Amino acid sequence: MQTLNTLDDWLAYCERLHPKSIDMGLDRVRAVAQRMSLAFDCPVITVAGTNGKGSTCAMLEAILLEAGYRTGVFTSPHLVDFEERCRVRGDIVSAAHLVTSFEKVEEARKTGEEISLTYFEFTTLAILHLLKEANLDVVVLEVGLGGRLDAVNIIDTDCAVITSIDLDHMELLGNTREAIGFEKAGIMRAGKPVVVSDPVPPQSIIDHAAALGADLWRFGTDFNFSGDKQQWGWAGRGRRYAGLAYPALRGANQLINASGVLAALTALRGVLPVTAQSVRNGLSMVELPGRFQIIPGQPTMVLDVAHNPHSVAALAENLDAMGFYPCTHAVFGAMADKDVAPMLARVGPLIDKWYFTDLPTPRAATGEALQAKWHAGESRSDVTATAYTNPRLALLAAIAAADPADRIVVFGSFYTVGGILKGGLPRLQAKHLAS
């Protein structure tokens, strides 16, 4: 019998437990959760969507912390270390605390008839157990994939938030926005608020809310925002915020995410009241690595986990708004099942040199395969591309080729950005400044 002492031991064990990496359905994970009596006696906010989930969770957490609440947050995936997936009262949890919860899951799944769990199901149950034991005032749960059949959905929500809907994970969720929207809508609960921050949501979401009797809050109908270059304001049902500073998370799309956050908090104000000052402070201090994260230095570096056409389009707009750079270098790695052609086409006009990279997972496309896809769709003769075996080597090549006034963009999979952050936050210093 294998001895499981460390978090790494448990994670390796979980990877071998189930024949499939993704096995859609809630029966198995719900059965183990029932054995563990997993439920929360505090409000739960569940966040689903294609893009913007992590930012939404981070803003909710920041504001609620400023309001004095004991918060627990579950997000996925992580950038560098697994422990990033769980934060309690604003702090990343320790590996030792997680090990205790892994042991509880293992004990429960082997009590009576043994139940097989996927890596995500097992780890989700462990984090939910840790959060349950943490004596919290509010829990924020990010859905990993879809919504209706995601392991997170075993927990009933007090407020559902659905961010943007776009085409991603189509082999599992469907190949239209309507089909994907229906899967995301599965996190709604009858009589509970559901905030939809997508400005043009699929009709399937609207219809499901009506059929279920959920309290629908729609962007542009039940809440909205306005702003100028200095400040912005929000208005929703029975509440307004004026003269807000822009969120610390960069990018124009963050105002849509922040608007959904304020709608959710307004919908829950009867049980989780927050002051306007908590909103201001929370939004001004929120941090989330890898979301249009600009690293000052020479050259400037941008880190972004944009990994589907919708998020890459937002990245391209944000890069364009940064102003002129003589040369933009791009380090890019992605999963093999991603539709990379439209991503490369959308951001391509802004990129002068590409550095494609392998990633440390069997699901990833090789750097050479990505380079071939780029070459098939690229018409500019002045753009170069090379391939590397890992993100760090790709970045080093970009740094060696870059001038101080240039810009380096690292984007794609969480593995791409995580591969750069693994050694700590890089601070670039151009060659002529290093002496």
Protein backbone atom coordinates (compact mmCIF):
# COMPACT_ATOMS: atom_id res chain seq x y z
CA MET A 1 0.00 0.00 0.00
CA GLN A 2 1.41 3.39 -1.04
CA THR A 3 2.15 5.81 1.80
CA LEU A 4 0.68 9.24 1.13
CA ASN A 5 2.39 11.86 3.27
CA THR A 6 2.68 15.02 1.19
CA LEU A 7 0.33 17.02 -1.00
CA ASP A 8 2.35 15.98 -4.05
CA ASP A 9 1.84 12.33 -3.03
CA TRP A 10 -1.92 12.86 -2.89
CA LEU A 11 -2.09 14.74 -6.19
CA ALA A 12 -0.15 11.99 -7.97
CA TYR A 13 -2.47 9.41 -6.39
CA CYS A 14 -5.57 11.30 -7.55
CA GLU A 15 -4.29 11.37 -11.13
CA ARG A 16 -4.24 7.56 -11.21
CA LEU A 17 -7.55 6.84 -9.49
CA HIS A 18 -10.05 7.15 -12.34
CA PRO A 19 -9.79 5.92 -15.94
CA LYS A 20 -10.93 9.32 -17.30
CA SER A 21 -9.48 12.75 -16.59
CA ILE A 22 -12.97 14.25 -17.06
CA ASP A 23 -16.09 12.19 -16.33
CA MET A 24 -19.13 14.44 -16.50
CA GLY A 25 -21.82 13.71 -13.92
CA LEU A 26 -22.53 14.33 -10.25
CA ASP A 27 -23.67 10.93 -8.91
CA ARG A 28 -20.27 9.71 -7.71
CA VAL A 29 -19.01 12.99 -6.28
CA ARG A 30 -22.37 13.71 -4.64
CA ALA A 31 -22.38 10.28 -2.99
CA VAL A 32 -18.97 10.91 -1.40
CA ALA A 33 -20.03 14.43 -0.37
CA GLN A 34 -23.05 13.00 1.40
CA ARG A 35 -20.84 10.58 3.29
CA MET A 36 -18.78 13.59 4.39
CA SER A 37 -21.87 15.70 5.27
CA LEU A 38 -20.49 18.44 3.04
CA ALA A 39 -22.68 21.53 3.27
CA PHE A 40 -22.22 25.15 4.28
CA ASP A 41 -24.14 27.11 6.90
CA CYS A 42 -23.06 30.43 5.40
CA PRO A 43 -23.95 32.12 2.08
CA VAL A 44 -22.39 30.59 -1.05
CA ILE A 45 -21.72 32.45 -4.31
CA THR A 46 -21.05 30.22 -7.33
CA VAL A 47 -19.36 31.66 -10.44
CA ALA A 48 -19.54 30.06 -13.90
CA GLY A 49 -18.74 31.28 -17.40
CA THR A 50 -16.20 31.01 -20.20
CA ASN A 51 -14.00 33.97 -19.26
CA GLY A 52 -13.89 36.34 -16.30
CA LYS A 53 -14.56 33.78 -13.56
CA GLY A 54 -11.25 34.21 -11.74
CA SER A 55 -11.45 38.00 -11.86
CA THR A 56 -15.03 37.93 -10.59
CA CYS A 57 -14.08 35.66 -7.68
CA ALA A 58 -11.09 37.85 -6.82
CA MET A 59 -13.18 41.04 -6.76
CA LEU A 60 -15.90 39.43 -4.66
CA GLU A 61 -13.27 38.23 -2.21
CA ALA A 62 -11.50 41.60 -2.02
CA ILE A 63 -14.68 43.55 -1.30
CA LEU A 64 -16.01 41.04 1.21
CA LEU A 65 -12.66 41.00 3.04
CA GLU A 66 -12.74 44.79 3.22
CA ALA A 67 -16.24 44.51 4.68
CA GLY A 68 -14.84 42.36 7.48
CA TYR A 69 -16.18 38.97 6.41
CA ARG A 70 -14.27 35.72 6.86
CA THR A 71 -14.05 34.55 3.25
CA GLY A 72 -13.27 31.25 1.60
CA VAL A 73 -12.55 30.95 -2.12
CA PHE A 74 -12.11 27.96 -4.42
CA THR A 75 -10.75 28.64 -7.91
CA SER A 76 -9.17 26.53 -10.63
CA PRO A 77 -6.83 25.86 -12.27
CA HIS A 78 -3.71 27.13 -10.51
CA LEU A 79 -0.75 28.92 -12.06
CA VAL A 80 2.21 27.52 -10.11
CA ASP A 81 1.21 25.64 -6.95
CA PHE A 82 -1.94 23.60 -6.28
CA GLU A 83 -2.49 25.43 -2.98
CA GLU A 84 -3.44 28.55 -4.98
CA ARG A 85 -6.82 26.92 -5.62
CA CYS A 86 -8.00 27.60 -2.06
CA ARG A 87 -7.84 30.84 -0.10
CA VAL A 88 -9.15 31.32 3.44
CA ARG A 89 -9.52 34.86 4.80
CA GLY A 90 -7.43 36.12 1.89
CA ASP A 91 -4.51 33.74 2.34
CA ILE A 92 -3.53 30.71 0.27
CA VAL A 93 -3.97 27.59 2.39
CA SER A 94 -1.07 25.37 3.44
CA ALA A 95 -0.26 22.00 1.92
CA ALA A 96 -0.51 20.43 5.41
CA HIS A 97 -4.12 21.57 5.84
CA LEU A 98 -4.99 20.22 2.40
CA VAL A 99 -3.44 16.83 3.21
CA THR A 100 -5.80 16.46 6.17
CA SER A 101 -8.79 17.09 3.91
CA PHE A 102 -7.49 14.66 1.25
CA GLU A 103 -7.38 12.00 3.94
CA LYS A 104 -11.03 12.71 4.82
CA VAL A 105 -12.09 12.32 1.18
CA GLU A 106 -10.21 9.02 0.87
CA GLU A 107 -11.82 7.72 4.05
CA ALA A 108 -15.30 8.68 2.82
CA ARG A 109 -14.97 7.25 -0.69
CA LYS A 110 -13.83 3.91 0.76
CA THR A 111 -16.58 3.72 3.39
CA GLY A 112 -18.98 1.06 2.14
CA GLU A 113 -18.83 0.50 -1.62
CA GLU A 114 -15.69 2.16 -2.97
CA ILE A 115 -16.37 5.10 -5.30
CA SER A 116 -13.96 6.13 -8.04
CA LEU A 117 -13.28 9.86 -8.39
CA THR A 118 -11.47 11.90 -11.02
CA TYR A 119 -8.59 14.19 -10.07
CA PHE A 120 -10.86 17.24 -10.18
CA GLU A 121 -13.65 15.58 -8.22
CA PHE A 122 -11.32 14.35 -5.48
CA THR A 123 -9.49 17.66 -5.14
CA THR A 124 -12.74 19.64 -5.21
CA LEU A 125 -14.15 17.56 -2.33
CA ALA A 126 -10.93 18.08 -0.35
CA ILE A 127 -11.09 21.86 -0.79
CA LEU A 128 -14.81 21.97 0.05
CA HIS A 129 -14.07 20.01 3.23
CA LEU A 130 -11.30 22.44 4.19
CA LEU A 131 -13.61 25.42 3.60
CA LYS A 132 -16.41 23.80 5.60
CA GLU A 133 -14.08 23.40 8.60
CA ALA A 134 -12.75 26.98 8.41
CA ASN A 135 -15.61 28.79 10.23
CA LEU A 136 -16.41 31.18 7.38
CA ASP A 137 -18.98 33.92 6.78
CA VAL A 138 -19.15 33.49 3.00
CA VAL A 139 -17.80 31.03 0.40
CA VAL A 140 -17.06 31.82 -3.26
CA LEU A 141 -16.84 28.82 -5.59
CA GLU A 142 -15.55 28.98 -9.16
CA VAL A 143 -16.94 26.32 -11.50
CA GLY A 144 -14.17 24.37 -13.22
CA LEU A 145 -15.94 23.33 -16.43
CA GLY A 146 -19.49 24.01 -17.59
CA GLY A 147 -21.77 24.16 -14.58
CA ARG A 148 -24.64 21.68 -14.62
CA LEU A 149 -22.40 18.62 -14.28
CA ASP A 150 -19.38 20.21 -12.62
CA ALA A 151 -18.38 18.85 -9.21
CA VAL A 152 -18.81 22.32 -7.66
CA ASN A 153 -22.53 22.14 -8.46
CA ILE A 154 -23.17 19.62 -5.68
CA ILE A 155 -23.26 22.69 -3.42
CA ASP A 156 -26.46 24.75 -3.54
CA THR A 157 -25.74 28.39 -4.21
CA ASP A 158 -27.30 31.46 -2.63
CA CYS A 159 -26.32 33.57 -5.64
CA ALA A 160 -25.15 32.36 -9.05
CA VAL A 161 -22.97 34.55 -11.24
CA ILE A 162 -22.60 33.75 -14.94
CA THR A 163 -19.87 35.71 -16.71
CA SER A 164 -19.19 35.76 -20.45
CA ILE A 165 -20.28 32.84 -22.63
CA ASP A 166 -18.18 31.84 -25.60
CA LEU A 167 -17.11 28.74 -27.52
CA ASP A 168 -14.70 26.65 -25.46
CA HIS A 169 -14.52 23.00 -24.34
CA MET A 170 -16.97 22.28 -27.15
CA GLU A 171 -16.27 18.54 -27.11
CA LEU A 172 -17.85 18.43 -23.64
CA LEU A 173 -20.27 21.36 -23.50
CA GLY A 174 -21.64 21.63 -27.04
CA ASN A 175 -20.63 23.58 -30.12
CA THR A 176 -22.99 26.57 -29.86
CA ARG A 177 -23.31 29.41 -27.35
CA GLU A 178 -26.87 28.25 -26.65
CA ALA A 179 -25.72 24.75 -25.71
CA ILE A 180 -22.85 26.06 -23.61
CA GLY A 181 -25.15 28.61 -21.96
CA PHE A 182 -27.52 25.83 -20.93
CA GLU A 183 -24.66 23.99 -19.21
CA LYS A 184 -23.57 27.15 -17.36
CA ALA A 185 -27.19 27.81 -16.32
CA GLY A 186 -27.13 24.59 -14.33
CA ILE A 187 -25.68 26.44 -11.33
CA MET A 188 -28.94 28.41 -10.85
CA ARG A 189 -31.29 27.57 -8.00
CA ALA A 190 -35.03 28.23 -7.78
CA GLY A 191 -35.89 31.46 -6.02
CA LYS A 192 -32.24 32.53 -5.75
CA PRO A 193 -30.61 35.44 -7.58
CA VAL A 194 -28.62 34.75 -10.73
CA VAL A 195 -26.46 37.55 -12.09
CA VAL A 196 -25.72 37.36 -15.83
CA SER A 197 -22.93 39.78 -16.70
CA ASP A 198 -22.63 38.76 -20.36
CA PRO A 199 -24.07 41.77 -22.28
CA VAL A 200 -25.58 39.44 -24.92
CA PRO A 201 -26.35 36.19 -23.10
CA PRO A 202 -27.60 33.06 -24.86
CA GLN A 203 -31.38 32.74 -24.75
CA SER A 204 -30.93 29.35 -23.09
CA ILE A 205 -29.77 31.12 -19.92
CA ILE A 206 -32.76 33.47 -19.88
CA ASP A 207 -35.18 30.62 -20.55
CA HIS A 208 -33.67 28.39 -17.85
CA ALA A 209 -33.93 31.16 -15.26
CA ALA A 210 -37.60 31.68 -16.13
CA ALA A 211 -38.40 27.96 -16.07
CA LEU A 212 -36.63 27.51 -12.74
CA GLY A 213 -38.06 30.60 -11.09
CA ALA A 214 -34.63 32.11 -10.39
CA ASP A 215 -34.33 35.85 -9.69
CA LEU A 216 -32.61 37.00 -12.89
CA TRP A 217 -30.32 40.04 -12.85
CA ARG A 218 -29.32 40.95 -16.43
CA PHE A 219 -26.54 43.28 -17.46
CA GLY A 220 -28.06 46.27 -19.28
CA THR A 221 -31.52 45.63 -17.80
CA ASP A 222 -31.17 45.18 -14.03
CA PHE A 223 -27.74 46.79 -13.68
CA ASN A 224 -25.27 48.75 -15.79
CA PHE A 225 -22.18 50.93 -15.60
CA SER A 226 -20.98 54.21 -17.08
CA GLY A 227 -17.66 55.96 -16.92
CA ASP A 228 -15.03 58.27 -18.31
CA LYS A 229 -11.24 58.21 -18.25
CA GLN A 230 -11.05 59.12 -14.56
CA GLN A 231 -13.83 57.17 -12.84
CA TRP A 232 -16.89 55.00 -13.29
CA GLY A 233 -20.25 54.41 -11.69
CA TRP A 234 -22.69 51.53 -11.28
CA ALA A 235 -26.46 51.46 -10.98
CA GLY A 236 -28.66 48.49 -10.16
CA ARG A 237 -31.88 47.62 -8.42
CA GLY A 238 -32.23 50.10 -5.57
CA ARG A 239 -28.55 50.97 -5.35
CA ARG A 240 -25.97 53.21 -7.01
CA TYR A 241 -22.22 53.70 -6.72
CA ALA A 242 -20.70 56.88 -8.15
CA GLY A 243 -17.13 58.13 -8.52
CA LEU A 244 -15.50 54.70 -8.32
CA ALA A 245 -11.84 54.28 -9.15
CA TYR A 246 -11.17 51.73 -11.87
CA PRO A 247 -10.51 48.17 -10.62
CA ALA A 248 -6.88 47.34 -9.95
CA LEU A 249 -7.23 44.47 -12.45
CA ARG A 250 -6.39 45.93 -15.84
CA GLY A 251 -8.44 45.65 -19.02
CA ALA A 252 -11.68 47.16 -20.29
CA ASN A 253 -13.51 43.85 -19.77
CA GLN A 254 -12.94 44.13 -16.02
CA LEU A 255 -15.68 46.76 -15.73
CA ILE A 256 -18.19 44.18 -16.95
CA ASN A 257 -16.87 41.69 -14.39
CA ALA A 258 -16.96 44.33 -11.65
CA SER A 259 -20.53 45.22 -12.59
CA GLY A 260 -21.58 41.60 -12.12
CA VAL A 261 -19.81 41.56 -8.75
CA LEU A 262 -21.71 44.63 -7.55
CA ALA A 263 -24.97 43.11 -8.77
CA ALA A 264 -24.29 39.92 -6.80
CA LEU A 265 -23.45 41.86 -3.64
CA THR A 266 -26.55 44.01 -4.07
CA ALA A 267 -28.69 40.89 -4.52
CA LEU A 268 -27.25 39.50 -1.27
CA ARG A 269 -27.27 42.74 0.73
CA GLY A 270 -29.89 41.32 3.11
CA VAL A 271 -27.44 38.68 4.36
CA LEU A 272 -24.05 40.16 3.38
CA PRO A 273 -24.27 43.94 3.65
CA VAL A 274 -21.24 45.87 2.39
CA THR A 275 -20.50 49.58 2.56
CA ALA A 276 -19.58 51.80 -0.37
CA GLN A 277 -16.13 52.25 1.19
CA SER A 278 -15.61 48.47 1.22
CA VAL A 279 -16.47 48.41 -2.48
CA ARG A 280 -14.02 51.22 -3.23
CA ASN A 281 -11.20 49.72 -1.19
CA GLY A 282 -11.76 46.18 -2.45
CA LEU A 283 -11.79 47.10 -6.12
CA SER A 284 -8.71 49.31 -5.72
CA MET A 285 -6.68 46.57 -4.00
CA VAL A 286 -7.75 43.39 -5.79
CA GLU A 287 -4.94 41.26 -7.20
CA LEU A 288 -4.99 38.29 -9.55
CA PRO A 289 -1.83 37.08 -11.30
CA GLY A 290 -1.96 36.38 -15.00
CA ARG A 291 -4.93 38.56 -15.95
CA PHE A 292 -3.46 41.24 -18.20
CA GLN A 293 -0.72 41.56 -15.60
CA ILE A 294 1.81 44.19 -16.66
CA ILE A 295 5.31 43.65 -15.26
CA PRO A 296 7.27 46.91 -15.29
CA GLY A 297 10.79 46.75 -16.66
CA GLN A 298 12.73 47.06 -19.88
CA PRO A 299 11.25 45.59 -21.94
CA THR A 300 7.72 45.67 -20.55
CA MET A 301 6.14 42.25 -20.04
CA VAL A 302 2.46 41.29 -20.09
CA LEU A 303 1.15 38.02 -18.62
CA ASP A 304 -2.32 36.82 -19.60
CA VAL A 305 -4.03 33.41 -19.38
CA ALA A 306 -6.16 34.18 -22.47
CA HIS A 307 -6.67 30.73 -24.01
CA ASN A 308 -9.75 30.92 -26.25
CA PRO A 309 -10.86 33.27 -29.06
CA HIS A 310 -13.03 35.44 -26.80
CA SER A 311 -10.34 36.09 -24.17
CA VAL A 312 -7.65 36.57 -26.83
CA ALA A 313 -9.85 39.21 -28.48
CA ALA A 314 -9.97 41.05 -25.14
CA LEU A 315 -6.21 40.67 -24.80
CA ALA A 316 -5.70 42.15 -28.28
CA GLU A 317 -7.86 45.18 -27.40
CA ASN A 318 -5.95 45.73 -24.18
CA LEU A 319 -2.58 45.40 -25.92
CA ASP A 320 -3.70 47.88 -28.57
CA ALA A 321 -4.68 50.36 -25.85
CA MET A 322 -1.18 50.25 -24.32
CA GLY A 323 0.22 52.46 -27.07
CA PHE A 324 3.18 52.07 -29.43
CA TYR A 325 6.01 49.58 -28.99
CA PRO A 326 8.69 49.16 -31.69
CA CYS A 327 8.47 45.37 -31.50
CA THR A 328 6.11 42.99 -29.70
CA HIS A 329 7.38 39.50 -28.87
CA ALA A 330 4.83 36.78 -28.00
CA VAL A 331 5.42 33.60 -25.99
CA PHE A 332 2.48 31.27 -26.63
CA GLY A 333 1.53 27.74 -25.59
CA ALA A 334 -1.88 26.05 -25.72
CA MET A 335 -3.76 22.80 -25.30
CA ALA A 336 -4.07 20.58 -28.38
CA ASP A 337 -7.88 20.76 -28.37
CA LYS A 338 -7.97 24.57 -28.62
CA ASP A 339 -9.06 26.32 -31.80
CA VAL A 340 -5.85 28.31 -32.08
CA ALA A 341 -6.27 29.64 -35.64
CA PRO A 342 -8.75 32.41 -34.71
CA MET A 343 -6.67 33.26 -31.64
CA LEU A 344 -3.50 33.69 -33.67
CA ALA A 345 -5.38 35.63 -36.35
CA ARG A 346 -6.94 38.03 -33.84
CA VAL A 347 -3.75 39.00 -32.03
CA GLY A 348 -1.44 38.43 -35.02
CA PRO A 349 -1.44 42.02 -36.34
CA LEU A 350 0.10 43.17 -33.04
CA ILE A 351 2.88 40.54 -32.91
CA ASP A 352 6.27 40.85 -34.63
CA LYS A 353 8.09 37.79 -33.25
CA TRP A 354 6.53 34.54 -32.04
CA TYR A 355 8.04 32.05 -29.57
CA PHE A 356 5.88 28.93 -29.47
CA THR A 357 6.37 26.52 -26.61
CA ASP A 358 5.70 22.98 -25.44
CA LEU A 359 3.88 22.66 -22.10
CA PRO A 360 4.34 20.06 -19.33
CA THR A 361 1.10 18.14 -19.89
CA PRO A 362 0.08 15.46 -22.41
CA ARG A 363 -2.96 17.58 -23.37
CA ALA A 364 -0.79 20.34 -24.81
CA ALA A 365 0.10 21.01 -28.41
CA THR A 366 3.82 21.07 -29.12
CA GLY A 367 5.52 24.32 -29.90
CA GLU A 368 6.32 23.01 -33.37
CA ALA A 369 2.67 22.10 -34.00
CA LEU A 370 1.57 25.60 -32.94
CA GLN A 371 4.23 27.12 -35.16
CA ALA A 372 2.92 25.08 -38.11
CA LYS A 373 -0.65 26.29 -37.49
CA TRP A 374 0.59 29.86 -37.28
CA HIS A 375 2.56 29.47 -40.51
CA ALA A 376 -0.49 28.14 -42.34
CA GLY A 377 -2.47 31.31 -41.59
CA GLU A 378 0.20 34.03 -41.55
CA SER A 379 0.54 36.30 -44.60
CA ARG A 380 3.04 38.85 -43.27
CA SER A 381 6.61 38.22 -44.42
CA ASP A 382 8.21 40.40 -41.73
CA VAL A 383 7.13 38.21 -38.80
CA THR A 384 9.36 35.44 -37.41
CA ALA A 385 8.52 32.35 -35.37
CA THR A 386 10.53 29.75 -33.45
CA ALA A 387 9.60 26.84 -31.16
CA TYR A 388 10.91 25.86 -27.72
CA THR A 389 10.54 22.97 -25.30
CA ASN A 390 9.30 25.02 -22.33
CA PRO A 391 7.99 28.52 -21.53
CA ARG A 392 11.13 29.58 -19.67
CA LEU A 393 13.39 28.88 -22.68
CA ALA A 394 10.93 30.70 -24.95
CA LEU A 395 10.98 33.74 -22.65
CA LEU A 396 14.78 33.75 -22.44
CA ALA A 397 14.93 33.77 -26.25
CA ALA A 398 12.47 36.67 -26.36
CA ILE A 399 14.48 38.62 -23.77
CA ALA A 400 17.70 38.03 -25.73
CA ALA A 401 16.09 39.37 -28.92
CA ALA A 402 14.23 42.31 -27.35
CA ASP A 403 15.31 45.93 -27.14
CA PRO A 404 14.55 47.96 -23.99
CA ALA A 405 11.58 49.75 -25.58
CA ASP A 406 9.97 46.51 -26.80
CA ARG A 407 7.15 44.52 -25.25
CA ILE A 408 6.95 40.80 -24.44
CA VAL A 409 3.52 39.17 -24.15
CA VAL A 410 3.21 35.74 -22.52
CA PHE A 411 -0.23 34.22 -23.06
CA GLY A 412 -2.24 31.07 -23.67
CA SER A 413 -2.69 28.24 -21.22
CA PHE A 414 -2.33 28.59 -17.45
CA TYR A 415 0.69 26.32 -17.96
CA THR A 416 2.29 28.96 -20.21
CA VAL A 417 2.00 31.79 -17.69
CA GLY A 418 2.64 29.44 -14.77
CA GLY A 419 5.86 28.27 -16.41
CA ILE A 420 7.10 31.86 -16.35
CA LEU A 421 5.98 32.56 -12.76
CA LYS A 422 7.42 29.33 -11.36
CA GLY A 423 10.70 30.96 -10.42
CA GLY A 424 9.01 34.05 -9.02
CA LEU A 425 7.85 37.27 -10.63
CA PRO A 426 10.34 38.12 -13.40
CA ARG A 427 11.73 41.63 -13.59
CA LEU A 428 13.25 42.29 -16.98
CA GLN A 429 16.36 44.37 -17.42
CA ALA A 430 17.45 45.08 -20.95
CA LYS A 431 20.92 43.98 -22.00
CA HIS A 432 22.45 47.43 -22.07
CA LEU A 433 21.12 48.12 -18.54
CA ALA A 434 22.59 44.99 -16.95
CA SER A 435 26.11 46.32 -16.48
